[in-house]
């Protein structure tokens, strides 16, 4: 009884599928990154009753708005990189 040869598969993933998987991983981690960035102002020092020291509320709100805009732009960029390319869509039609 001879052994049947086993078909060898490549050890490494194709570069295109590997990058697509890493992009999807980045998309999945984006909400957690956003949560961590939004919670950062909770660690900032509060101003004392005389208004000295600490971080002003306007600065914190500008930070939160900047994080929100950054997450929206980053989400759009990741979406552009994870959607199928035009050549794939043309081949499917």
C-alpha atoms as a PDB file:
ATOM      1  CA  UNK A   1       0.000   0.000   0.000  1.00  0.00           C
ATOM      2  CA  UNK A   2       1.722   3.123  -1.263  1.00  0.00           C
ATOM      3  CA  UNK A   3       1.047   6.508   0.185  1.00  0.00           C
ATOM      4  CA  UNK A   4      -0.816   8.966  -1.978  1.00  0.00           C
ATOM      5  CA  UNK A   5       1.107  12.217  -2.634  1.00  0.00           C
ATOM      6  CA  UNK A   6      -0.345  15.116  -0.732  1.00  0.00           C
ATOM      7  CA  UNK A   7      -0.984  18.244  -2.737  1.00  0.00           C
ATOM      8  CA  UNK A   8       1.276  20.952  -1.436  1.00  0.00           C
ATOM      9  CA  UNK A   9      -0.292  24.252  -0.611  1.00  0.00           C
ATOM     10  CA  UNK A  10       1.706  27.457  -0.369  1.00  0.00           C
ATOM     11  CA  UNK A  11       2.849  28.234   3.150  1.00  0.00           C
ATOM     12  CA  UNK A  12       2.241  31.948   2.789  1.00  0.00           C
ATOM     13  CA  UNK A  13      -0.938  33.754   1.815  1.00  0.00           C
ATOM     14  CA  UNK A  14      -1.075  35.742  -1.371  1.00  0.00           C
ATOM     15  CA  UNK A  15      -0.073  39.342  -0.842  1.00  0.00           C
ATOM     16  CA  UNK A  16      -3.420  40.720  -2.024  1.00  0.00           C
ATOM     17  CA  UNK A  17      -5.552  38.539   0.252  1.00  0.00           C
ATOM     18  CA  UNK A  18      -3.182  39.147   3.182  1.00  0.00           C
ATOM     19  CA  UNK A  19      -3.508  42.909   2.792  1.00  0.00           C
ATOM     20  CA  UNK A  20      -7.276  42.663   2.456  1.00  0.00           C
ATOM     21  CA  UNK A  21      -7.465  40.706   5.707  1.00  0.00           C
ATOM     22  CA  UNK A  22      -5.282  43.240   7.514  1.00  0.00           C
ATOM     23  CA  UNK A  23      -7.483  46.078   6.229  1.00  0.00           C
ATOM     24  CA  UNK A  24     -10.565  44.321   7.577  1.00  0.00           C
ATOM     25  CA  UNK A  25      -8.762  43.912  10.904  1.00  0.00           C
ATOM     26  CA  UNK A  26      -8.140  47.665  10.917  1.00  0.00           C
ATOM     27  CA  UNK A  27     -11.826  48.314  10.196  1.00  0.00           C
ATOM     28  CA  UNK A  28     -12.809  46.074  13.112  1.00  0.00           C
ATOM     29  CA  UNK A  29     -10.424  47.869  15.491  1.00  0.00           C
ATOM     30  CA  UNK A  30     -11.545  51.373  14.506  1.00  0.00           C
ATOM     31  CA  UNK A  31     -14.423  51.585  17.057  1.00  0.00           C
ATOM     32  CA  UNK A  32     -12.086  50.574  19.885  1.00  0.00           C
ATOM     33  CA  UNK A  33      -9.541  53.187  18.803  1.00  0.00           C
ATOM     34  CA  UNK A  34     -12.330  55.769  18.756  1.00  0.00           C
ATOM     35  CA  UNK A  35     -13.486  54.778  22.219  1.00  0.00           C
ATOM     36  CA  UNK A  36      -9.974  55.070  23.621  1.00  0.00           C
ATOM     37  CA  UNK A  37      -9.461  58.481  22.021  1.00  0.00           C
ATOM     38  CA  UNK A  38     -12.830  59.745  23.237  1.00  0.00           C
ATOM     39  CA  UNK A  39     -12.074  58.653  26.792  1.00  0.00           C
ATOM     40  CA  UNK A  40      -8.726  60.493  26.894  1.00  0.00           C
ATOM     41  CA  UNK A  41     -10.301  63.792  28.092  1.00  0.00           C
ATOM     42  CA  UNK A  42     -11.576  61.967  31.174  1.00  0.00           C
ATOM     43  CA  UNK A  43      -7.960  61.756  32.342  1.00  0.00           C
ATOM     44  CA  UNK A  44      -7.250  65.453  31.788  1.00  0.00           C
ATOM     45  CA  UNK A  45      -7.018  67.594  34.933  1.00  0.00           C
ATOM     46  CA  UNK A  46     -10.045  69.686  35.839  1.00  0.00           C
ATOM     47  CA  UNK A  47      -9.659  73.403  36.488  1.00  0.00           C
ATOM     48  CA  UNK A  48      -9.751  74.420  40.138  1.00  0.00           C
ATOM     49  CA  UNK A  49     -12.606  76.644  41.444  1.00  0.00           C
ATOM     50  CA  UNK A  50     -10.640  79.816  40.611  1.00  0.00           C
ATOM     51  CA  UNK A  51     -10.365  78.683  36.967  1.00  0.00           C
ATOM     52  CA  UNK A  52      -6.626  78.120  37.138  1.00  0.00           C
ATOM     53  CA  UNK A  53      -4.903  75.063  35.665  1.00  0.00           C
ATOM     54  CA  UNK A  54      -6.598  72.168  33.958  1.00  0.00           C
ATOM     55  CA  UNK A  55      -7.908  71.989  30.405  1.00  0.00           C
ATOM     56  CA  UNK A  56     -10.626  74.356  29.209  1.00  0.00           C
ATOM     57  CA  UNK A  57     -13.938  72.857  28.157  1.00  0.00           C
ATOM     58  CA  UNK A  58     -13.614  74.476  24.724  1.00  0.00           C
ATOM     59  CA  UNK A  59     -10.292  72.691  24.197  1.00  0.00           C
ATOM     60  CA  UNK A  60     -11.832  69.362  25.182  1.00  0.00           C
ATOM     61  CA  UNK A  61     -14.753  69.895  22.796  1.00  0.00           C
ATOM     62  CA  UNK A  62     -12.405  70.802  19.936  1.00  0.00           C
ATOM     63  CA  UNK A  63     -10.418  67.640  20.706  1.00  0.00           C
ATOM     64  CA  UNK A  64     -13.564  65.485  20.610  1.00  0.00           C
ATOM     65  CA  UNK A  65     -14.696  67.089  17.352  1.00  0.00           C
ATOM     66  CA  UNK A  66     -11.230  66.526  15.861  1.00  0.00           C
ATOM     67  CA  UNK A  67     -11.264  62.876  16.916  1.00  0.00           C
ATOM     68  CA  UNK A  68     -14.741  62.462  15.432  1.00  0.00           C
ATOM     69  CA  UNK A  69     -13.636  63.993  12.111  1.00  0.00           C
ATOM     70  CA  UNK A  70     -10.455  61.909  12.108  1.00  0.00           C
ATOM     71  CA  UNK A  71     -12.387  58.693  12.701  1.00  0.00           C
ATOM     72  CA  UNK A  72     -14.826  59.545   9.901  1.00  0.00           C
ATOM     73  CA  UNK A  73     -11.973  60.220   7.470  1.00  0.00           C
ATOM     74  CA  UNK A  74     -10.066  57.113   8.559  1.00  0.00           C
ATOM     75  CA  UNK A  75     -13.218  55.012   8.189  1.00  0.00           C
ATOM     76  CA  UNK A  76     -13.720  56.383   4.672  1.00  0.00           C
ATOM     77  CA  UNK A  77     -10.103  55.633   3.722  1.00  0.00           C
ATOM     78  CA  UNK A  78     -10.337  52.088   5.058  1.00  0.00           C
ATOM     79  CA  UNK A  79     -13.634  51.598   3.241  1.00  0.00           C
ATOM     80  CA  UNK A  80     -12.018  52.715  -0.029  1.00  0.00           C
ATOM     81  CA  UNK A  81      -9.208  50.181   0.448  1.00  0.00           C
ATOM     82  CA  UNK A  82     -11.463  47.256   1.386  1.00  0.00           C
ATOM     83  CA  UNK A  83     -14.041  47.523  -1.378  1.00  0.00           C
ATOM     84  CA  UNK A  84     -13.527  45.408  -4.509  1.00  0.00           C
ATOM     85  CA  UNK A  85     -11.476  47.008  -7.253  1.00  0.00           C
ATOM     86  CA  UNK A  86     -13.006  48.003 -10.612  1.00  0.00           C
ATOM     87  CA  UNK A  87     -11.181  45.220 -12.439  1.00  0.00           C
ATOM     88  CA  UNK A  88     -12.862  42.603 -10.227  1.00  0.00           C
ATOM     89  CA  UNK A  89     -16.282  44.134 -10.838  1.00  0.00           C
ATOM     90  CA  UNK A  90     -15.716  44.186 -14.605  1.00  0.00           C
ATOM     91  CA  UNK A  91     -14.695  40.523 -14.550  1.00  0.00           C
ATOM     92  CA  UNK A  92     -17.838  39.561 -12.625  1.00  0.00           C
ATOM     93  CA  UNK A  93     -20.196  41.331 -15.061  1.00  0.00           C
END
